[in-house]
Amino acid sequence: DYYAVGWFRQAPGKEREGVACISSSGSTTNYEDSA
């Protein structure tokens, strides 16, 4: 209820990138374009 949580990924040789996240209220989600 007090923290947004995100999923990130890192492929070999690449920088870590955001994939998806959900707000602390649970009402908002965001996705990286390929996801």
PDB file of all heavy atoms in Angstrom:
ATOM      1  N   ASP A   1       0.818  -1.211   0.000  1.00  0.00           N
ATOM      2  CA  ASP A   1       0.000   0.000   0.000  1.00  0.00           C
ATOM      3  C   ASP A   1       0.854   1.265   0.000  1.00  0.00           C
ATOM      4  O   ASP A   1       0.345   2.360  -0.274  1.00  0.00           O
ATOM      5  CB  ASP A   1      -0.905   0.027   1.236  1.00  0.00           C
ATOM      6  CG  ASP A   1      -2.050  -0.959   1.114  1.00  0.00           C
ATOM      7  OD1 ASP A   1      -2.478  -1.230  -0.018  1.00  0.00           O
ATOM      8  OD2 ASP A   1      -2.513  -1.449   2.165  1.00  0.00           O
ATOM      9  N   TYR A   2       2.133   1.138   0.323  1.00  0.00           N
ATOM     10  CA  TYR A   2       2.986   2.323   0.461  1.00  0.00           C
ATOM     11  C   TYR A   2       4.141   2.365  -0.519  1.00  0.00           C
ATOM     12  O   TYR A   2       4.917   3.318  -0.531  1.00  0.00           O
ATOM     13  CB  TYR A   2       3.525   2.395   1.889  1.00  0.00           C
ATOM     14  CG  TYR A   2       2.429   2.502   2.924  1.00  0.00           C
ATOM     15  CD1 TYR A   2       2.058   1.404   3.687  1.00  0.00           C
ATOM     16  CD2 TYR A   2       1.742   3.695   3.112  1.00  0.00           C
ATOM     17  CE1 TYR A   2       1.037   1.501   4.618  1.00  0.00           C
ATOM     18  CE2 TYR A   2       0.726   3.789   4.045  1.00  0.00           C
ATOM     19  CZ  TYR A   2       0.379   2.687   4.793  1.00  0.00           C
ATOM     20  OH  TYR A   2      -0.635   2.785   5.718  1.00  0.00           O
ATOM     21  N   TYR A   3       4.276   1.347  -1.352  1.00  0.00           N
ATOM     22  CA  TYR A   3       5.395   1.295  -2.292  1.00  0.00           C
ATOM     23  C   TYR A   3       4.891   0.928  -3.680  1.00  0.00           C
ATOM     24  O   TYR A   3       4.127  -0.031  -3.824  1.00  0.00           O
ATOM     25  CB  TYR A   3       6.414   0.238  -1.866  1.00  0.00           C
ATOM     26  CG  TYR A   3       7.216   0.582  -0.635  1.00  0.00           C
ATOM     27  CD1 TYR A   3       6.654   0.487   0.628  1.00  0.00           C
ATOM     28  CD2 TYR A   3       8.538   0.991  -0.740  1.00  0.00           C
ATOM     29  CE1 TYR A   3       7.389   0.797   1.754  1.00  0.00           C
ATOM     30  CE2 TYR A   3       9.283   1.301   0.381  1.00  0.00           C
ATOM     31  CZ  TYR A   3       8.699   1.194   1.623  1.00  0.00           C
ATOM     32  OH  TYR A   3       9.429   1.500   2.742  1.00  0.00           O
ATOM     33  N   ALA A   4       5.329   1.655  -4.662  1.00  0.00           N
ATOM     34  CA  ALA A   4       5.173   1.182  -6.033  1.00  0.00           C
ATOM     35  C   ALA A   4       6.175   0.041  -6.244  1.00  0.00           C
ATOM     36  O   ALA A   4       7.241   0.014  -5.628  1.00  0.00           O
ATOM     37  CB  ALA A   4       5.453   2.317  -7.021  1.00  0.00           C
ATOM     38  N   VAL A   5       5.825  -0.882  -7.102  1.00  0.00           N
ATOM     39  CA  VAL A   5       6.722  -1.999  -7.404  1.00  0.00           C
ATOM     40  C   VAL A   5       6.910  -2.096  -8.905  1.00  0.00           C
ATOM     41  O   VAL A   5       5.960  -1.969  -9.674  1.00  0.00           O
ATOM     42  CB  VAL A   5       6.163  -3.326  -6.854  1.00  0.00           C
ATOM     43  CG1 VAL A   5       7.027  -4.503  -7.310  1.00  0.00           C
ATOM     44  CG2 VAL A   5       6.118  -3.281  -5.326  1.00  0.00           C
ATOM     45  N   GLY A   6       8.126  -2.300  -9.293  1.00  0.00           N
ATOM     46  CA  GLY A   6       8.435  -2.424 -10.706  1.00  0.00           C
ATOM     47  C   GLY A   6       9.155  -3.726 -11.011  1.00  0.00           C
ATOM     48  O   GLY A   6       9.821  -4.300 -10.146  1.00  0.00           O
ATOM     49  N   TRP A   7       9.002  -4.175 -12.222  1.00  0.00           N
ATOM     50  CA  TRP A   7       9.788  -5.280 -12.762  1.00  0.00           C
ATOM     51  C   TRP A   7      10.776  -4.691 -13.768  1.00  0.00           C
ATOM     52  O   TRP A   7      10.387  -3.910 -14.644  1.00  0.00           O
ATOM     53  CB  TRP A   7       8.902  -6.304 -13.464  1.00  0.00           C
ATOM     54  CG  TRP A   7       8.169  -7.212 -12.538  1.00  0.00           C
ATOM     55  CD1 TRP A   7       6.878  -7.087 -12.116  1.00  0.00           C
ATOM     56  CD2 TRP A   7       8.672  -8.393 -11.922  1.00  0.00           C
ATOM     57  NE1 TRP A   7       6.555  -8.118 -11.268  1.00  0.00           N
ATOM     58  CE2 TRP A   7       7.636  -8.943 -11.136  1.00  0.00           C
ATOM     59  CE3 TRP A   7       9.894  -9.065 -11.957  1.00  0.00           C
ATOM     60  CZ2 TRP A   7       7.784 -10.116 -10.395  1.00  0.00           C
ATOM     61  CZ3 TRP A   7      10.043 -10.228 -11.221  1.00  0.00           C
ATOM     62  CH2 TRP A   7       9.008 -10.741 -10.447  1.00  0.00           C
ATOM     63  N   PHE A   8      12.010  -5.092 -13.624  1.00  0.00           N
ATOM     64  CA  PHE A   8      13.080  -4.659 -14.518  1.00  0.00           C
ATOM     65  C   PHE A   8      13.768  -5.910 -15.063  1.00  0.00           C
ATOM     66  O   PHE A   8      13.644  -6.993 -14.507  1.00  0.00           O
ATOM     67  CB  PHE A   8      14.096  -3.799 -13.758  1.00  0.00           C
ATOM     68  CG  PHE A   8      13.528  -2.512 -13.229  1.00  0.00           C
ATOM     69  CD1 PHE A   8      12.778  -2.487 -12.068  1.00  0.00           C
ATOM     70  CD2 PHE A   8      13.743  -1.323 -13.903  1.00  0.00           C
ATOM     71  CE1 PHE A   8      12.237  -1.292 -11.582  1.00  0.00           C
ATOM     72  CE2 PHE A   8      13.224  -0.128 -13.429  1.00  0.00           C
ATOM     73  CZ  PHE A   8      12.467  -0.119 -12.268  1.00  0.00           C
ATOM     74  N   ARG A   9      14.514  -5.736 -16.136  1.00  0.00           N
ATOM     75  CA  ARG A   9      15.261  -6.877 -16.668  1.00  0.00           C
ATOM     76  C   ARG A   9      16.596  -6.398 -17.214  1.00  0.00           C
ATOM     77  O   ARG A   9      16.756  -5.247 -17.617  1.00  0.00           O
ATOM     78  CB  ARG A   9      14.473  -7.589 -17.762  1.00  0.00           C
ATOM     79  CG  ARG A   9      14.255  -6.771 -19.027  1.00  0.00           C
ATOM     80  CD  ARG A   9      13.357  -7.530 -20.002  1.00  0.00           C
ATOM     81  NE  ARG A   9      13.098  -6.758 -21.213  1.00  0.00           N
ATOM     82  CZ  ARG A   9      12.239  -7.129 -22.148  1.00  0.00           C
ATOM     83  NH1 ARG A   9      11.541  -8.253 -22.006  1.00  0.00           N
ATOM     84  NH2 ARG A   9      12.067  -6.377 -23.219  1.00  0.00           N
ATOM     85  N   GLN A  10      17.542  -7.327 -17.197  1.00  0.00           N
ATOM     86  CA  GLN A  10      18.855  -7.039 -17.755  1.00  0.00           C
ATOM     87  C   GLN A  10      19.326  -8.229 -18.562  1.00  0.00           C
ATOM     88  O   GLN A  10      19.508  -9.321 -18.031  1.00  0.00           O
ATOM     89  CB  GLN A  10      19.864  -6.710 -16.662  1.00  0.00           C
ATOM     90  CG  GLN A  10      21.196  -6.212 -17.207  1.00  0.00           C
ATOM     91  CD  GLN A  10      22.067  -5.590 -16.141  1.00  0.00           C
ATOM     92  OE1 GLN A  10      21.918  -5.858 -14.948  1.00  0.00           O
ATOM     93  NE2 GLN A  10      22.987  -4.738 -16.563  1.00  0.00           N
ATOM     94  N   ALA A  11      19.494  -7.980 -19.853  1.00  0.00           N
ATOM     95  CA  ALA A  11      20.002  -8.999 -20.754  1.00  0.00           C
ATOM     96  C   ALA A  11      21.526  -8.904 -20.804  1.00  0.00           C
ATOM     97  O   ALA A  11      22.096  -7.835 -20.519  1.00  0.00           O
ATOM     98  CB  ALA A  11      19.412  -8.807 -22.144  1.00  0.00           C
ATOM     99  N   PRO A  12      22.212  -9.986 -21.171  1.00  0.00           N
ATOM    100  CA  PRO A  12      23.681  -9.950 -21.239  1.00  0.00           C
ATOM    101  C   PRO A  12      24.169  -8.834 -22.146  1.00  0.00           C
ATOM    102  O   PRO A  12      23.685  -8.678 -23.272  1.00  0.00           O
ATOM    103  CB  PRO A  12      24.023 -11.322 -21.813  1.00  0.00           C
ATOM    104  CG  PRO A  12      22.893 -12.195 -21.433  1.00  0.00           C
ATOM    105  CD  PRO A  12      21.675 -11.321 -21.477  1.00  0.00           C
ATOM    106  N   GLY A  13      25.081  -8.027 -21.631  1.00  0.00           N
ATOM    107  CA  GLY A  13      25.659  -6.960 -22.429  1.00  0.00           C
ATOM    108  C   GLY A  13      24.797  -5.726 -22.593  1.00  0.00           C
ATOM    109  O   GLY A  13      25.165  -4.805 -23.328  1.00  0.00           O
ATOM    110  N   LYS A  14      23.648  -5.710 -21.924  1.00  0.00           N
ATOM    111  CA  LYS A  14      22.742  -4.572 -22.048  1.00  0.00           C
ATOM    112  C   LYS A  14      22.486  -3.940 -20.690  1.00  0.00           C
ATOM    113  O   LYS A  14      22.680  -4.567 -19.654  1.00  0.00           O
ATOM    114  CB  LYS A  14      21.419  -5.007 -22.686  1.00  0.00           C
ATOM    115  CG  LYS A  14      21.555  -5.475 -24.118  1.00  0.00           C
ATOM    116  CD  LYS A  14      20.194  -5.712 -24.746  1.00  0.00           C
ATOM    117  CE  LYS A  14      20.322  -6.119 -26.202  1.00  0.00           C
ATOM    118  NZ  LYS A  14      18.990  -6.334 -26.830  1.00  0.00           N
ATOM    119  N   GLU A  15      22.018  -2.707 -20.721  1.00  0.00           N
ATOM    120  CA  GLU A  15      21.662  -2.033 -19.486  1.00  0.00           C
ATOM    121  C   GLU A  15      20.333  -2.564 -18.958  1.00  0.00           C
ATOM    122  O   GLU A  15      19.485  -3.032 -19.709  1.00  0.00           O
ATOM    123  CB  GLU A  15      21.556  -0.523 -19.728  1.00  0.00           C
ATOM    124  CG  GLU A  15      22.893   0.129 -20.062  1.00  0.00           C
ATOM    125  CD  GLU A  15      22.794   1.643 -20.129  1.00  0.00           C
ATOM    126  OE1 GLU A  15      21.676   2.170 -20.027  1.00  0.00           O
ATOM    127  OE2 GLU A  15      23.849   2.290 -20.288  1.00  0.00           O
ATOM    128  N   ARG A  16      20.173  -2.438 -17.659  1.00  0.00           N
ATOM    129  CA  ARG A  16      18.910  -2.831 -17.049  1.00  0.00           C
ATOM    130  C   ARG A  16      17.821  -1.853 -17.489  1.00  0.00           C
ATOM    131  O   ARG A  16      18.061  -0.642 -17.555  1.00  0.00           O
ATOM    132  CB  ARG A  16      19.052  -2.836 -15.533  1.00  0.00           C
ATOM    133  CG  ARG A  16      17.868  -3.413 -14.793  1.00  0.00           C
ATOM    134  CD  ARG A  16      18.230  -3.629 -13.325  1.00  0.00           C
ATOM    135  NE  ARG A  16      18.660  -2.407 -12.672  1.00  0.00           N
ATOM    136  CZ  ARG A  16      19.235  -2.372 -11.480  1.00  0.00           C
ATOM    137  NH1 ARG A  16      19.462  -3.498 -10.815  1.00  0.00           N
ATOM    138  NH2 ARG A  16      19.587  -1.217 -10.945  1.00  0.00           N
ATOM    139  N   GLU A  17      16.644  -2.391 -17.776  1.00  0.00           N
ATOM    140  CA  GLU A  17      15.543  -1.560 -18.248  1.00  0.00           C
ATOM    141  C   GLU A  17      14.263  -1.911 -17.512  1.00  0.00           C
ATOM    142  O   GLU A  17      14.072  -3.038 -17.055  1.00  0.00           O
ATOM    143  CB  GLU A  17      15.326  -1.763 -19.754  1.00  0.00           C
ATOM    144  CG  GLU A  17      14.931  -3.164 -20.145  1.00  0.00           C
ATOM    145  CD  GLU A  17      14.644  -3.312 -21.635  1.00  0.00           C
ATOM    146  OE1 GLU A  17      14.678  -2.303 -22.356  1.00  0.00           O
ATOM    147  OE2 GLU A  17      14.362  -4.447 -22.049  1.00  0.00           O
ATOM    148  N   GLY A  18      13.383  -0.930 -17.417  1.00  0.00           N
ATOM    149  CA  GLY A  18      12.086  -1.170 -16.816  1.00  0.00           C
ATOM    150  C   GLY A  18      11.186  -1.935 -17.762  1.00  0.00           C
ATOM    151  O   GLY A  18      11.228  -1.731 -18.986  1.00  0.00           O
ATOM    152  N   VAL A  19      10.366  -2.812 -17.219  1.00  0.00           N
ATOM    153  CA  VAL A  19       9.444  -3.620 -18.015  1.00  0.00           C
ATOM    154  C   VAL A  19       8.001  -3.268 -17.689  1.00  0.00           C
ATOM    155  O   VAL A  19       7.193  -3.017 -18.584  1.00  0.00           O
ATOM    156  CB  VAL A  19       9.689  -5.118 -17.752  1.00  0.00           C
ATOM    157  CG1 VAL A  19       8.664  -5.957 -18.502  1.00  0.00           C
ATOM    158  CG2 VAL A  19      11.098  -5.509 -18.157  1.00  0.00           C
ATOM    159  N   ALA A  20       7.675  -3.260 -16.393  1.00  0.00           N
ATOM    160  CA  ALA A  20       6.313  -2.969 -15.954  1.00  0.00           C
ATOM    161  C   ALA A  20       6.367  -2.466 -14.523  1.00  0.00           C
ATOM    162  O   ALA A  20       7.276  -2.813 -13.772  1.00  0.00           O
ATOM    163  CB  ALA A  20       5.431  -4.213 -16.036  1.00  0.00           C
ATOM    164  N   CYS A  21       5.395  -1.652 -14.164  1.00  0.00           N
ATOM    165  CA  CYS A  21       5.324  -1.185 -12.772  1.00  0.00           C
ATOM    166  C   CYS A  21       3.867  -0.998 -12.388  1.00  0.00           C
ATOM    167  O   CYS A  21       2.985  -0.843 -13.249  1.00  0.00           O
ATOM    168  CB  CYS A  21       6.115   0.097 -12.551  1.00  0.00           C
ATOM    169  SG  CYS A  21       5.549   1.544 -13.468  1.00  0.00           S
ATOM    170  N   ILE A  22       3.634  -1.022 -11.069  1.00  0.00           N
ATOM    171  CA  ILE A  22       2.293  -0.831 -10.537  1.00  0.00           C
ATOM    172  C   ILE A  22       2.397   0.138  -9.366  1.00  0.00           C
ATOM    173  O   ILE A  22       3.310   0.031  -8.538  1.00  0.00           O
ATOM    174  CB  ILE A  22       1.651  -2.175 -10.135  1.00  0.00           C
ATOM    175  CG1 ILE A  22       0.194  -1.992  -9.723  1.00  0.00           C
ATOM    176  CG2 ILE A  22       2.453  -2.891  -9.066  1.00  0.00           C
ATOM    177  CD1 ILE A  22      -0.582  -3.307  -9.675  1.00  0.00           C
ATOM    178  N   SER A  23       1.469   1.071  -9.304  1.00  0.00           N
ATOM    179  CA  SER A  23       1.525   2.099  -8.272  1.00  0.00           C
ATOM    180  C   SER A  23       1.167   1.534  -6.895  1.00  0.00           C
ATOM    181  O   SER A  23       0.597   0.434  -6.796  1.00  0.00           O
ATOM    182  CB  SER A  23       0.560   3.233  -8.625  1.00  0.00           C
ATOM    183  OG  SER A  23      -0.783   2.762  -8.624  1.00  0.00           O
ATOM    184  N   SER A  24       1.457   2.294  -5.856  1.00  0.00           N
ATOM    185  CA  SER A  24       1.143   1.846  -4.500  1.00  0.00           C
ATOM    186  C   SER A  24      -0.362   1.756  -4.265  1.00  0.00           C
ATOM    187  O   SER A  24      -0.817   0.968  -3.436  1.00  0.00           O
ATOM    188  CB  SER A  24       1.779   2.773  -3.474  1.00  0.00           C
ATOM    189  OG  SER A  24       1.313   4.096  -3.622  1.00  0.00           O
ATOM    190  N   SER A  25      -1.136   2.527  -4.993  1.00  0.00           N
ATOM    191  CA  SER A  25      -2.594   2.420  -4.879  1.00  0.00           C
ATOM    192  C   SER A  25      -3.131   1.226  -5.651  1.00  0.00           C
ATOM    193  O   SER A  25      -4.273   0.816  -5.463  1.00  0.00           O
ATOM    194  CB  SER A  25      -3.261   3.696  -5.401  1.00  0.00           C
ATOM    195  OG  SER A  25      -3.078   3.814  -6.796  1.00  0.00           O
ATOM    196  N   GLY A  26      -2.320   0.698  -6.548  1.00  0.00           N
ATOM    197  CA  GLY A  26      -2.762  -0.404  -7.403  1.00  0.00           C
ATOM    198  C   GLY A  26      -3.578   0.044  -8.596  1.00  0.00           C
ATOM    199  O   GLY A  26      -3.983  -0.777  -9.420  1.00  0.00           O
ATOM    200  N   SER A  27      -3.818   1.350  -8.703  1.00  0.00           N
ATOM    201  CA  SER A  27      -4.724   1.845  -9.743  1.00  0.00           C
ATOM    202  C   SER A  27      -4.027   2.136 -11.066  1.00  0.00           C
ATOM    203  O   SER A  27      -4.694   2.311 -12.087  1.00  0.00           O
ATOM    204  CB  SER A  27      -5.417   3.119  -9.256  1.00  0.00           C
ATOM    205  OG  SER A  27      -4.469   4.148  -9.029  1.00  0.00           O
ATOM    206  N   THR A  28      -2.713   2.220 -11.047  1.00  0.00           N
ATOM    207  CA  THR A  28      -1.969   2.597 -12.245  1.00  0.00           C
ATOM    208  C   THR A  28      -0.905   1.555 -12.564  1.00  0.00           C
ATOM    209  O   THR A  28      -0.177   1.109 -11.665  1.00  0.00           O
ATOM    210  CB  THR A  28      -1.284   3.961 -12.037  1.00  0.00           C
ATOM    211  OG1 THR A  28      -2.279   4.950 -11.779  1.00  0.00           O
ATOM    212  CG2 THR A  28      -0.484   4.350 -13.273  1.00  0.00           C
ATOM    213  N   THR A  29      -0.836   1.182 -13.820  1.00  0.00           N
ATOM    214  CA  THR A  29       0.241   0.322 -14.307  1.00  0.00           C
ATOM    215  C   THR A  29       0.865   0.969 -15.535  1.00  0.00           C
ATOM    216  O   THR A  29       0.188   1.690 -16.283  1.00  0.00           O
ATOM    217  CB  THR A  29      -0.271  -1.074 -14.668  1.00  0.00           C
ATOM    218  OG1 THR A  29      -1.306  -0.961 -15.659  1.00  0.00           O
ATOM    219  CG2 THR A  29      -0.825  -1.802 -13.455  1.00  0.00           C
ATOM    220  N   ASN A  30       2.120   0.723 -15.729  1.00  0.00           N
ATOM    221  CA  ASN A  30       2.826   1.195 -16.911  1.00  0.00           C
ATOM    222  C   ASN A  30       3.667   0.061 -17.475  1.00  0.00           C
ATOM    223  O   ASN A  30       4.143  -0.800 -16.722  1.00  0.00           O
ATOM    224  CB  ASN A  30       3.730   2.387 -16.584  1.00  0.00           C
ATOM    225  CG  ASN A  30       2.954   3.663 -16.365  1.00  0.00           C
ATOM    226  OD1 ASN A  30       2.006   3.947 -17.094  1.00  0.00           O
ATOM    227  ND2 ASN A  30       3.337   4.439 -15.372  1.00  0.00           N
ATOM    228  N   TYR A  31       3.875   0.095 -18.784  1.00  0.00           N
ATOM    229  CA  TYR A  31       4.638  -0.948 -19.450  1.00  0.00           C
ATOM    230  C   TYR A  31       5.629  -0.336 -20.430  1.00  0.00           C
ATOM    231  O   TYR A  31       5.345   0.662 -21.094  1.00  0.00           O
ATOM    232  CB  TYR A  31       3.704  -1.897 -20.213  1.00  0.00           C
ATOM    233  CG  TYR A  31       2.742  -2.639 -19.324  1.00  0.00           C
ATOM    234  CD1 TYR A  31       1.493  -2.122 -19.031  1.00  0.00           C
ATOM    235  CD2 TYR A  31       3.101  -3.868 -18.754  1.00  0.00           C
ATOM    236  CE1 TYR A  31       0.608  -2.795 -18.210  1.00  0.00           C
ATOM    237  CE2 TYR A  31       2.229  -4.550 -17.925  1.00  0.00           C
ATOM    238  CZ  TYR A  31       0.985  -4.006 -17.645  1.00  0.00           C
ATOM    239  OH  TYR A  31       0.125  -4.679 -16.828  1.00  0.00           O
ATOM    240  N   GLU A  32       6.761  -0.972 -20.503  1.00  0.00           N
ATOM    241  CA  GLU A  32       7.716  -0.638 -21.560  1.00  0.00           C
ATOM    242  C   GLU A  32       7.103  -1.055 -22.897  1.00  0.00           C
ATOM    243  O   GLU A  32       6.292  -1.996 -22.952  1.00  0.00           O
ATOM    244  CB  GLU A  32       9.025  -1.378 -21.271  1.00  0.00           C
ATOM    245  CG  GLU A  32      10.146  -1.152 -22.246  1.00  0.00           C
ATOM    246  CD  GLU A  32      10.227  -2.233 -23.293  1.00  0.00           C
ATOM    247  OE1 GLU A  32       9.703  -3.328 -23.053  1.00  0.00           O
ATOM    248  OE2 GLU A  32      10.796  -1.962 -24.370  1.00  0.00           O
ATOM    249  N   ASP A  33       7.445  -0.364 -23.958  1.00  0.00           N
ATOM    250  CA  ASP A  33       6.748  -0.549 -25.232  1.00  0.00           C
ATOM    251  C   ASP A  33       6.724  -2.010 -25.692  1.00  0.00           C
ATOM    252  O   ASP A  33       5.686  -2.503 -26.163  1.00  0.00           O
ATOM    253  CB  ASP A  33       7.392   0.323 -26.314  1.00  0.00           C
ATOM    254  CG  ASP A  33       7.024   1.786 -26.179  1.00  0.00           C
ATOM    255  OD1 ASP A  33       6.087   2.102 -25.413  1.00  0.00           O
ATOM    256  OD2 ASP A  33       7.677   2.629 -26.811  1.00  0.00           O
ATOM    257  N   SER A  34       7.819  -2.718 -25.577  1.00  0.00           N
ATOM    258  CA  SER A  34       7.841  -4.094 -26.092  1.00  0.00           C
ATOM    259  C   SER A  34       7.019  -5.041 -25.226  1.00  0.00           C
ATOM    260  O   SER A  34       6.690  -6.148 -25.656  1.00  0.00           O
ATOM    261  CB  SER A  34       9.282  -4.600 -26.198  1.00  0.00           C
ATOM    262  OG  SER A  34       9.823  -4.831 -24.927  1.00  0.00           O
ATOM    263  N   ALA A  35       6.685  -4.617 -24.012  1.00  0.00           N
ATOM    264  CA  ALA A  35       5.897  -5.453 -23.111  1.00  0.00           C
ATOM    265  C   ALA A  35       4.391  -5.220 -23.257  1.00  0.00           C
ATOM    266  O   ALA A  35       3.594  -6.069 -22.829  1.00  0.00           O
ATOM    267  CB  ALA A  35       6.308  -5.194 -21.667  1.00  0.00           C
TER     268      ALA A  35
END
